[in-house]
C-alpha atoms as a PDB file:
ATOM      1  CA  MET A   1      22.087-119.015  92.704  1.00  0.00           C
ATOM      2  CA  SER A   2      20.366-116.366  91.281  1.00  0.00           C
ATOM      3  CA  TYR A   3      19.309-117.954  86.846  1.00  0.00           C
ATOM      4  CA  VAL A   4      19.064-115.519  83.852  1.00  0.00           C
ATOM      5  CA  THR A   5      15.447-115.324  83.052  1.00  0.00           C
ATOM      6  CA  GLN A   6      14.995-115.613  79.258  1.00  0.00           C
ATOM      7  CA  PHE A   7      12.112-114.520  76.771  1.00  0.00           C
ATOM      8  CA  SER A   8      12.220-116.567  74.408  1.00  0.00           C
ATOM      9  CA  SER A   9       8.938-114.054  72.829  1.00  0.00           C
ATOM     10  CA  MET A  10       6.942-111.218  73.283  1.00  0.00           C
ATOM     11  CA  ARG A  11       4.455-113.801  74.782  1.00  0.00           C
ATOM     12  CA  ASP A  12       6.697-114.943  77.633  1.00  0.00           C
ATOM     13  CA  TYR A  13       6.968-111.534  78.921  1.00  0.00           C
ATOM     14  CA  ALA A  14       3.551-110.214  78.779  1.00  0.00           C
ATOM     15  CA  GLU A  15       2.620-113.046  80.403  1.00  0.00           C
ATOM     16  CA  ARG A  16       4.870-112.764  82.616  1.00  0.00           C
ATOM     17  CA  MET A  17       3.716-109.494  83.383  1.00  0.00           C
ATOM     18  CA  ASN A  18       0.666-109.379  82.880  1.00  0.00           C
ATOM     19  CA  LEU A  19       0.128-107.837  80.177  1.00  0.00           C
ATOM     20  CA  PRO A  20      -2.913-106.990  77.341  1.00  0.00           C
ATOM     21  CA  LEU A  21      -1.296-108.006  74.240  1.00  0.00           C
ATOM     22  CA  ARG A  22      -2.543-108.068  70.574  1.00  0.00           C
ATOM     23  CA  THR A  23      -2.651-111.863  68.763  1.00  0.00           C
ATOM     24  CA  GLU A  24      -2.923-110.846  64.945  1.00  0.00           C
ATOM     25  CA  VAL A  25      -0.049-108.108  64.797  1.00  0.00           C
ATOM     26  CA  VAL A  26       3.166-110.225  64.923  1.00  0.00           C
ATOM     27  CA  ASP A  27       6.553-109.242  65.883  1.00  0.00           C
ATOM     28  CA  PHE A  28       5.001-105.652  67.528  1.00  0.00           C
ATOM     29  CA  ALA A  29       2.687-104.801  70.297  1.00  0.00           C
ATOM     30  CA  ILE A  30       2.871-101.659  72.019  1.00  0.00           C
ATOM     31  CA  PHE A  31       1.412-100.723  75.429  1.00  0.00           C
ATOM     32  CA  ASP A  32       0.947 -97.641  77.552  1.00  0.00           C
ATOM     33  CA  PHE A  33       1.596 -97.422  81.213  1.00  0.00           C
ATOM     34  CA  THR A  34      -1.286 -96.018  82.242  1.00  0.00           C
ATOM     35  CA  ASP A  35      -3.334 -99.671  80.575  1.00  0.00           C
ATOM     36  CA  LEU A  36      -1.823-101.829  82.956  1.00  0.00           C
ATOM     37  CA  PRO A  37      -2.890-104.149  85.002  1.00  0.00           C
ATOM     38  CA  PRO A  38      -1.379-103.962  89.228  1.00  0.00           C
ATOM     39  CA  MET A  39       0.710-107.062  88.732  1.00  0.00           C
ATOM     40  CA  ALA A  40       2.667-105.294  86.174  1.00  0.00           C
ATOM     41  CA  ASN A  41       4.133-103.422  88.797  1.00  0.00           C
ATOM     42  CA  VAL A  42       6.420-106.915  89.843  1.00  0.00           C
ATOM     43  CA  SER A  43      10.439-106.090  90.045  1.00  0.00           C
ATOM     44  CA  LEU A  44      12.861-108.621  87.336  1.00  0.00           C
ATOM     45  CA  THR A  45      16.193-110.025  88.235  1.00  0.00           C
ATOM     46  CA  ALA A  46      18.610-110.534  85.233  1.00  0.00           C
ATOM     47  CA  TYR A  47      16.487-111.681  82.657  1.00  0.00           C
ATOM     48  CA  GLN A  48      16.565-110.983  79.114  1.00  0.00           C
ATOM     49  CA  GLN A  49      14.397-111.249  75.252  1.00  0.00           C
ATOM     50  CA  SER A  50      14.309-112.264  72.496  1.00  0.00           C
ATOM     51  CA  PHE A  51      13.087-109.075  71.342  1.00  0.00           C
ATOM     52  CA  PHE A  52      14.010-104.511  70.919  1.00  0.00           C
ATOM     53  CA  GLU A  53      11.712-102.769  73.290  1.00  0.00           C
ATOM     54  CA  ILE A  54      12.057 -98.160  73.808  1.00  0.00           C
ATOM     55  CA  THR A  55      10.609 -97.371  76.586  1.00  0.00           C
ATOM     56  CA  LEU A  56       9.342 -93.751  76.595  1.00  0.00           C
ATOM     57  CA  GLU A  57       8.841 -92.126  80.459  1.00  0.00           C
ATOM     58  CA  ILE A  58       7.212 -89.777  80.616  1.00  0.00           C
ATOM     59  CA  THR A  59       7.176 -89.476  84.204  1.00  0.00           C
ATOM     60  CA  PRO A  60       9.680 -91.772  86.577  1.00  0.00           C
ATOM     61  CA  MET A  61       8.864 -94.799  86.529  1.00  0.00           C
ATOM     62  CA  CYS A  62      11.357 -97.275  88.060  1.00  0.00           C
ATOM     63  CA  SER A  63      14.712 -97.530  88.005  1.00  0.00           C
ATOM     64  CA  LEU A  64      16.654 -99.276  85.387  1.00  0.00           C
ATOM     65  CA  GLN A  65      20.251-101.728  85.538  1.00  0.00           C
ATOM     66  CA  VAL A  66      21.754-101.803  81.508  1.00  0.00           C
ATOM     67  CA  ASP A  67      24.331-104.317  81.134  1.00  0.00           C
ATOM     68  CA  GLU A  68      26.973-102.847  83.452  1.00  0.00           C
ATOM     69  CA  PHE A  69      25.195 -99.689  84.217  1.00  0.00           C
ATOM     70  CA  HIS A  70      22.264 -98.384  86.499  1.00  0.00           C
ATOM     71  CA  PHE A  71      19.740 -95.885  85.708  1.00  0.00           C
ATOM     72  CA  PRO A  72      17.818 -94.732  88.547  1.00  0.00           C
ATOM     73  CA  ALA A  73      14.364 -93.635  87.814  1.00  0.00           C
ATOM     74  CA  SER A  74      14.762 -89.544  86.565  1.00  0.00           C
ATOM     75  CA  GLY A  75      13.176 -87.941  84.538  1.00  0.00           C
ATOM     76  CA  HIS A  76      12.302 -87.613  80.918  1.00  0.00           C
ATOM     77  CA  ARG A  77      13.536 -90.977  78.960  1.00  0.00           C
ATOM     78  CA  ILE A  78      14.116 -92.606  76.517  1.00  0.00           C
ATOM     79  CA  SER A  79      15.696 -96.139  76.694  1.00  0.00           C
ATOM     80  CA  PHE A  80      16.537 -99.029  74.420  1.00  0.00           C
ATOM     81  CA  ILE A  81      17.331-102.140  74.419  1.00  0.00           C
ATOM     82  CA  ARG A  82      19.193-104.866  71.983  1.00  0.00           C
ATOM     83  CA  PRO A  83      18.049-108.507  72.505  1.00  0.00           C
ATOM     84  CA  SER A  84      21.882-108.909  74.227  1.00  0.00           C
ATOM     85  CA  CYS A  85      21.404-107.092  77.063  1.00  0.00           C
ATOM     86  CA  LEU A  86      20.313-107.685  80.615  1.00  0.00           C
ATOM     87  CA  LEU A  87      18.551-106.236  82.707  1.00  0.00           C
ATOM     88  CA  SER A  88      17.168-106.169  86.059  1.00  0.00           C
ATOM     89  CA  LEU A  89      14.334-103.491  86.818  1.00  0.00           C
ATOM     90  CA  GLN A  90      13.715-102.171  89.958  1.00  0.00           C
ATOM     91  CA  GLN A  91       9.893-100.840  90.269  1.00  0.00           C
ATOM     92  CA  PRO A  92       8.907 -98.535  93.681  1.00  0.00           C
ATOM     93  CA  ALA A  93       4.896-100.017  93.750  1.00  0.00           C
ATOM     94  CA  ASP A  94       3.696 -96.670  94.778  1.00  0.00           C
ATOM     95  CA  ILE A  95       4.576 -94.929  91.536  1.00  0.00           C
ATOM     96  CA  THR A  96       2.236 -94.605  88.377  1.00  0.00           C
ATOM     97  CA  GLY A  97       4.553 -93.747  86.397  1.00  0.00           C
ATOM     98  CA  ARG A  98       3.402 -92.129  82.320  1.00  0.00           C
ATOM     99  CA  GLY A  99       4.264 -93.503  79.800  1.00  0.00           C
ATOM    100  CA  PHE A 100       4.796 -96.221  76.888  1.00  0.00           C
ATOM    101  CA  THR A 101       6.939-100.221  76.103  1.00  0.00           C
ATOM    102  CA  VAL A 102       7.128-101.053  72.042  1.00  0.00           C
ATOM    103  CA  PHE A 103       7.819-104.212  71.326  1.00  0.00           C
ATOM    104  CA  ILE A 104      10.052-104.549  67.700  1.00  0.00           C
ATOM    105  CA  GLY A 105      11.065-108.400  66.307  1.00  0.00           C
ATOM    106  CA  GLN A 106      14.459-108.264  65.224  1.00  0.00           C
ATOM    107  CA  LYS A 107      12.743-109.365  61.292  1.00  0.00           C
ATOM    108  CA  ILE A 108      11.072-105.833  61.559  1.00  0.00           C
ATOM    109  CA  ILE A 109      14.043-104.446  62.701  1.00  0.00           C
ATOM    110  CA  GLU A 110      16.204-105.761  60.089  1.00  0.00           C
ATOM    111  CA  GLU A 111      14.862-104.064  57.771  1.00  0.00           C
ATOM    112  CA  LEU A 112      14.419-100.538  59.425  1.00  0.00           C
ATOM    113  CA  PHE A 113      18.386-101.122  59.271  1.00  0.00           C
ATOM    114  CA  LEU A 114      18.241-101.147  56.374  1.00  0.00           C
ATOM    115  CA  THR A 115      16.264 -98.855  54.366  1.00  0.00           C
ATOM    116  CA  THR A 116      17.237 -96.096  56.301  1.00  0.00           C
ATOM    117  CA  ARG A 117      21.970 -95.704  57.078  1.00  0.00           C
ATOM    118  CA  SER A 118      20.998 -93.262  59.811  1.00  0.00           C
ATOM    119  CA  LEU A 119      20.171 -95.960  61.594  1.00  0.00           C
ATOM    120  CA  GLY A 120      23.644 -97.471  62.716  1.00  0.00           C
ATOM    121  CA  ILE A 121      23.782 -94.591  64.952  1.00  0.00           C
ATOM    122  CA  SER A 122      20.809 -95.160  67.782  1.00  0.00           C
ATOM    123  CA  PRO A 123      21.518 -96.620  70.448  1.00  0.00           C
ATOM    124  CA  LEU A 124      19.794 -99.045  69.493  1.00  0.00           C
ATOM    125  CA  PHE A 125      22.405-101.313  67.872  1.00  0.00           C
ATOM    126  CA  ASP A 126      25.199 -99.337  68.624  1.00  0.00           C
ATOM    127  CA  PRO A 127      26.532-100.439  71.307  1.00  0.00           C
ATOM    128  CA  THR A 128      29.059 -97.723  72.037  1.00  0.00           C
ATOM    129  CA  ARG A 129      26.329 -95.722  73.255  1.00  0.00           C
ATOM    130  CA  SER A 130      24.143 -95.192  76.683  1.00  0.00           C
ATOM    131  CA  PRO A 131      20.168 -97.399  75.922  1.00  0.00           C
ATOM    132  CA  VAL A 132      18.827 -94.603  77.810  1.00  0.00           C
ATOM    133  CA  ILE A 133      19.063 -91.141  76.998  1.00  0.00           C
ATOM    134  CA  SER A 134      17.882 -87.561  78.467  1.00  0.00           C
ATOM    135  CA  LEU A 135      14.679 -85.855  76.703  1.00  0.00           C
ATOM    136  CA  THR A 136      14.663 -81.658  76.189  1.00  0.00           C
ATOM    137  CA  SER A 137      11.301 -80.428  76.016  1.00  0.00           C
ATOM    138  CA  LYS A 138      10.903 -80.262  72.380  1.00  0.00           C
ATOM    139  CA  LEU A 139      12.394 -83.551  71.867  1.00  0.00           C
ATOM    140  CA  LEU A 140       9.910 -84.759  74.548  1.00  0.00           C
ATOM    141  CA  HIS A 141       6.764 -83.355  72.606  1.00  0.00           C
ATOM    142  CA  GLU A 142       7.836 -85.043  68.842  1.00  0.00           C
ATOM    143  CA  ILE A 143       8.311 -87.982  70.245  1.00  0.00           C
ATOM    144  CA  THR A 144       5.121 -88.182  72.748  1.00  0.00           C
ATOM    145  CA  ASP A 145       3.327 -87.959  69.822  1.00  0.00           C
ATOM    146  CA  ILE A 146       4.796 -90.597  68.289  1.00  0.00           C
ATOM    147  CA  PHE A 147       4.067 -93.110  70.139  1.00  0.00           C
ATOM    148  CA  ALA A 148       0.942 -91.605  70.924  1.00  0.00           C
ATOM    149  CA  GLN A 149       0.043 -92.570  66.757  1.00  0.00           C
ATOM    150  CA  LEU A 150       0.968 -95.984  67.518  1.00  0.00           C
ATOM    151  CA  TYR A 151      -0.660 -96.677  70.104  1.00  0.00           C
ATOM    152  CA  TYR A 152      -3.622 -95.527  68.552  1.00  0.00           C
ATOM    153  CA  GLU A 153      -3.232 -97.149  65.274  1.00  0.00           C
ATOM    154  CA  TYR A 154      -2.215-100.831  67.585  1.00  0.00           C
ATOM    155  CA  THR A 155      -5.335-100.664  70.024  1.00  0.00           C
ATOM    156  CA  GLU A 156      -7.652 -99.304  67.008  1.00  0.00           C
ATOM    157  CA  TYR A 157      -6.408-101.431  64.038  1.00  0.00           C
ATOM    158  CA  GLY A 158      -4.208-103.641  64.676  1.00  0.00           C
ATOM    159  CA  ALA A 159      -3.024-106.021  61.779  1.00  0.00           C
ATOM    160  CA  ALA A 160      -4.338-103.883  59.246  1.00  0.00           C
ATOM    161  CA  SER A 161      -2.124-100.963  61.066  1.00  0.00           C
ATOM    162  CA  LYS A 162       1.312-102.828  60.007  1.00  0.00           C
ATOM    163  CA  THR A 163       2.454-100.388  57.166  1.00  0.00           C
ATOM    164  CA  ILE A 164       1.407 -98.227  59.286  1.00  0.00           C
ATOM    165  CA  LEU A 165       3.027 -98.909  62.419  1.00  0.00           C
ATOM    166  CA  ARG A 166       6.465-100.127  60.364  1.00  0.00           C
ATOM    167  CA  ALA A 167       6.237 -96.589  59.200  1.00  0.00           C
ATOM    168  CA  TYR A 168       5.783 -94.770  62.594  1.00  0.00           C
ATOM    169  CA  LEU A 169       8.227 -96.641  64.263  1.00  0.00           C
ATOM    170  CA  GLY A 170      11.210 -95.993  61.484  1.00  0.00           C
ATOM    171  CA  ILE A 171       9.882 -91.716  61.405  1.00  0.00           C
ATOM    172  CA  LEU A 172      10.966 -92.384  65.732  1.00  0.00           C
ATOM    173  CA  LEU A 173      14.017 -94.377  65.269  1.00  0.00           C
ATOM    174  CA  GLU A 174      14.810 -91.427  62.459  1.00  0.00           C
ATOM    175  CA  LYS A 175      14.698 -88.698  65.424  1.00  0.00           C
ATOM    176  CA  VAL A 176      16.384 -89.968  68.065  1.00  0.00           C
ATOM    177  CA  ALA A 177      19.096 -91.045  65.427  1.00  0.00           C
ATOM    178  CA  ARG A 178      19.158 -87.171  64.422  1.00  0.00           C
ATOM    179  CA  HIS A 179      19.271 -86.284  68.437  1.00  0.00           C
ATOM    180  CA  CYS A 180      21.981 -88.217  68.858  1.00  0.00           C
ATOM    181  CA  ALA A 181      23.770 -87.316  65.266  1.00  0.00           C
ATOM    182  CA  SER A 182      23.952 -83.404  66.909  1.00  0.00           C
ATOM    183  CA  THR A 183      27.104 -83.791  69.281  1.00  0.00           C
ATOM    184  CA  THR A 184      28.299 -86.580  65.934  1.00  0.00           C
ATOM    185  CA  LYS A 185      29.795 -86.134  63.295  1.00  0.00           C
ATOM    186  CA  LEU A 186      28.181 -88.951  61.246  1.00  0.00           C
ATOM    187  CA  PRO A 187      30.831 -90.683  58.487  1.00  0.00           C
ATOM    188  CA  SER A 188      30.414 -91.138  55.541  1.00  0.00           C
ATOM    189  CA  VAL A 189      28.681 -94.416  54.921  1.00  0.00           C
ATOM    190  CA  SER A 190      30.922 -96.221  52.858  1.00  0.00           C
ATOM    191  CA  ARG A 191      30.829-100.575  52.630  1.00  0.00           C
ATOM    192  CA  ALA A 192      33.886-101.122  54.471  1.00  0.00           C
ATOM    193  CA  ALA A 193      31.404 -99.009  57.234  1.00  0.00           C
ATOM    194  CA  GLU A 194      27.646-101.065  56.610  1.00  0.00           C
ATOM    195  CA  LEU A 195      29.805-104.206  56.894  1.00  0.00           C
ATOM    196  CA  THR A 196      30.884-103.533  60.184  1.00  0.00           C
ATOM    197  CA  ALA A 197      28.231-102.409  61.039  1.00  0.00           C
ATOM    198  CA  ASN A 198      26.282-105.183  60.472  1.00  0.00           C
ATOM    199  CA  PHE A 199      29.669-107.434  61.601  1.00  0.00           C
ATOM    200  CA  HIS A 200      28.617-105.989  65.201  1.00  0.00           C
ATOM    201  CA  ARG A 201      25.588-106.427  65.119  1.00  0.00           C
ATOM    202  CA  PHE A 202      25.705-110.139  64.464  1.00  0.00           C
ATOM    203  CA  CYS A 203      28.099-109.900  67.759  1.00  0.00           C
ATOM    204  CA  GLN A 204      25.196-107.987  70.346  1.00  0.00           C
ATOM    205  CA  ARG A 205      23.503-111.628  69.407  1.00  0.00           C
ATOM    206  CA  HIS A 206      25.647-113.859  68.486  1.00  0.00           C
ATOM    207  CA  PHE A 207      28.789-113.455  70.908  1.00  0.00           C
ATOM    208  CA  ARG A 208      27.411-116.500  73.592  1.00  0.00           C
ATOM    209  CA  THR A 209      27.239-119.382  70.562  1.00  0.00           C
ATOM    210  CA  HIS A 210      29.815-118.005  67.979  1.00  0.00           C
ATOM    211  CA  ARG A 211      33.044-118.102  69.829  1.00  0.00           C
ATOM    212  CA  THR A 212      35.311-117.364  66.660  1.00  0.00           C
ATOM    213  CA  VAL A 213      35.349-114.569  63.805  1.00  0.00           C
ATOM    214  CA  LYS A 214      34.612-117.703  61.137  1.00  0.00           C
ATOM    215  CA  ASP A 215      31.379-118.363  63.400  1.00  0.00           C
ATOM    216  CA  ILE A 216      30.072-114.836  62.662  1.00  0.00           C
ATOM    217  CA  ALA A 217      31.305-114.166  59.497  1.00  0.00           C
ATOM    218  CA  SER A 218      29.548-118.079  58.270  1.00  0.00           C
ATOM    219  CA  GLU A 219      26.480-116.095  59.158  1.00  0.00           C
ATOM    220  CA  MET A 220      26.717-113.002  57.407  1.00  0.00           C
ATOM    221  CA  ASN A 221      27.731-114.610  54.153  1.00  0.00           C
ATOM    222  CA  VAL A 222      31.667-113.077  54.003  1.00  0.00           C
ATOM    223  CA  SER A 223      34.982-114.576  54.894  1.00  0.00           C
ATOM    224  CA  PRO A 224      36.594-115.106  57.926  1.00  0.00           C
ATOM    225  CA  LYS A 225      40.161-113.155  55.857  1.00  0.00           C
ATOM    226  CA  TYR A 226      37.839-110.685  54.120  1.00  0.00           C
ATOM    227  CA  LEU A 227      35.994-109.977  57.093  1.00  0.00           C
ATOM    228  CA  SER A 228      38.721-109.453  59.295  1.00  0.00           C
ATOM    229  CA  GLU A 229      40.620-106.535  57.571  1.00  0.00           C
ATOM    230  CA  VAL A 230      37.753-104.887  57.227  1.00  0.00           C
ATOM    231  CA  VAL A 231      37.125-104.515  60.529  1.00  0.00           C
ATOM    232  CA  SER A 232      40.532-103.813  61.233  1.00  0.00           C
ATOM    233  CA  ARG A 233      41.078-100.490  58.983  1.00  0.00           C
ATOM    234  CA  THR A 234      37.520 -99.501  59.557  1.00  0.00           C
ATOM    235  CA  THR A 235      37.714 -99.831  63.186  1.00  0.00           C
ATOM    236  CA  GLY A 236      41.662-100.289  64.372  1.00  0.00           C
ATOM    237  CA  GLN A 237      41.357-103.192  66.460  1.00  0.00           C
ATOM    238  CA  LYS A 238      40.901-107.008  65.201  1.00  0.00           C
ATOM    239  CA  ALA A 239      37.624-108.437  65.021  1.00  0.00           C
ATOM    240  CA  LEU A 240      37.836-111.609  67.068  1.00  0.00           C
ATOM    241  CA  SER A 241      38.966-108.577  70.319  1.00  0.00           C
ATOM    242  CA  ILE A 242      35.555-107.299  69.101  1.00  0.00           C
ATOM    243  CA  LEU A 243      33.901-110.506  69.758  1.00  0.00           C
ATOM    244  CA  ASN A 244      35.672-111.181  72.962  1.00  0.00           C
ATOM    245  CA  ARG A 245      34.544-107.783  74.345  1.00  0.00           C
ATOM    246  CA  TYR A 246      30.977-108.363  73.448  1.00  0.00           C
ATOM    247  CA  ARG A 247      31.346-111.349  76.150  1.00  0.00           C
ATOM    248  CA  ILE A 248      33.065-109.981  78.578  1.00  0.00           C
ATOM    249  CA  ASP A 249      30.509-107.481  78.968  1.00  0.00           C
ATOM    250  CA  HIS A 250      28.032-109.650  79.231  1.00  0.00           C
ATOM    251  CA  ALA A 251      30.350-111.435  81.745  1.00  0.00           C
ATOM    252  CA  LYS A 252      30.660-107.992  83.427  1.00  0.00           C
ATOM    253  CA  ALA A 253      26.862-107.391  83.379  1.00  0.00           C
ATOM    254  CA  LEU A 254      25.950-111.096  84.859  1.00  0.00           C
ATOM    255  CA  LEU A 255      28.983-110.169  87.745  1.00  0.00           C
ATOM    256  CA  LEU A 256      27.153-107.398  89.003  1.00  0.00           C
ATOM    257  CA  GLN A 257      23.306-108.467  88.310  1.00  0.00           C
ATOM    258  CA  THR A 258      22.919-112.599  89.314  1.00  0.00           C
ATOM    259  CA  THR A 259      25.147-114.651  92.300  1.00  0.00           C
ATOM    260  CA  LEU A 260      26.618-116.526  89.305  1.00  0.00           C
ATOM    261  CA  SER A 261      30.334-117.307  90.367  1.00  0.00           C
ATOM    262  CA  PRO A 262      33.093-116.223  88.042  1.00  0.00           C
ATOM    263  CA  THR A 263      32.953-120.827  87.213  1.00  0.00           C
ATOM    264  CA  GLU A 264      28.803-120.777  85.683  1.00  0.00           C
ATOM    265  CA  VAL A 265      29.865-116.736  84.600  1.00  0.00           C
ATOM    266  CA  ALA A 266      32.524-118.381  81.989  1.00  0.00           C
ATOM    267  CA  TYR A 267      30.313-121.493  81.370  1.00  0.00           C
ATOM    268  CA  HIS A 268      26.716-119.208  80.851  1.00  0.00           C
ATOM    269  CA  LEU A 269      29.114-117.507  78.403  1.00  0.00           C
ATOM    270  CA  ASN A 270      30.202-121.375  76.436  1.00  0.00           C
ATOM    271  CA  PHE A 271      33.110-120.714  76.909  1.00  0.00           C
ATOM    272  CA  GLU A 272      34.581-124.709  76.600  1.00  0.00           C
ATOM    273  CA  HIS A 273      37.522-123.702  79.319  1.00  0.00           C
ATOM    274  CA  PRO A 274      36.948-121.369  82.303  1.00  0.00           C
ATOM    275  CA  ASN A 275      40.834-120.671  82.831  1.00  0.00           C
ATOM    276  CA  TYR A 276      40.315-119.205  79.309  1.00  0.00           C
ATOM    277  CA  PHE A 277      37.142-116.895  81.001  1.00  0.00           C
ATOM    278  CA  PHE A 278      39.783-115.550  83.834  1.00  0.00           C
ATOM    279  CA  THR A 279      42.594-114.540  81.483  1.00  0.00           C
ATOM    280  CA  LEU A 280      40.974-113.135  78.730  1.00  0.00           C
ATOM    281  CA  PHE A 281      38.935-110.546  81.136  1.00  0.00           C
ATOM    282  CA  LYS A 282      41.998-110.100  83.261  1.00  0.00           C
ATOM    283  CA  GLN A 283      43.837-108.873  80.387  1.00  0.00           C
ATOM    284  CA  THR A 284      40.627-106.760  79.269  1.00  0.00           C
ATOM    285  CA  ILE A 285      39.287-105.285  82.433  1.00  0.00           C
ATOM    286  CA  GLY A 286      42.653-105.526  84.468  1.00  0.00           C
ATOM    287  CA  LEU A 287      40.788-107.372  87.479  1.00  0.00           C
ATOM    288  CA  THR A 288      39.726-110.679  87.939  1.00  0.00           C
ATOM    289  CA  PRO A 289      35.661-111.868  87.641  1.00  0.00           C
ATOM    290  CA  ARG A 290      35.668-112.258  91.326  1.00  0.00           C
ATOM    291  CA  GLN A 291      38.140-108.941  92.022  1.00  0.00           C
ATOM    292  CA  PHE A 292      35.284-107.098  90.034  1.00  0.00           C
ATOM    293  CA  ARG A 293      32.071-107.544  91.148  1.00  0.00           C
ATOM    294  CA  TYR A 294      33.658-107.121  94.989  1.00  0.00           C
ATOM    295  CA  MET A 295      35.397-103.501  93.789  1.00  0.00           C
END
């Protein structure tokens, strides 16, 4: 049976992958691929992490499965991984890639989100967008410079550069948000839109433990009725349907990336009754969990 590995902290992940980590810097880390020790060249199957991750691949390094989507190693790209994502990493031993990986704690992301409204269109926050973006030569050059500055501040000054690190991180996310917006008309930002965006973020973080809209509303300090009305008016979907969709999408990833049985997947996602999970899955996807796994 294949279970999902949970990395509860950056330190846990760094120790597993034998990565250098500055202990005096809280909730942030950056690694240059060229500095990674040989033991970092391993594969990880079906894992989740408690922090956000942004990886810039200047040259292809590994194939990546994020939830139900597979991304082969190819071209210049940047990937955005949320804590709710399920990942499998396959890294060829004979390829030495060039690039950077940034780990970011929840608190920093929350602060950046609250101060920079346009970030809502970034793949880091918008689950409807692909977590992997192919980069043009121009955007690659601009983003590589930002990663290089982040790496320099982190390695040279550590915790003393906390403010500068956050500033560069904000610039990086703004650059990507602008790139995403170039093909998407940004909606006007209203109170309803902000509340709906926050609802999505809470769903991303709590879909395993929070089964109802009431549970999410409690976390957000609003009434369930008000939250449901705003989300429905903004999205045209019921709030519970959105929450359940997060659970079902994660179930799809578990079925593809692990050998957990459908019943075990149901319990992993904290469904009280597997039959309810099977029914919800069939209603949402049009296939039973077993049919989806082997289609």
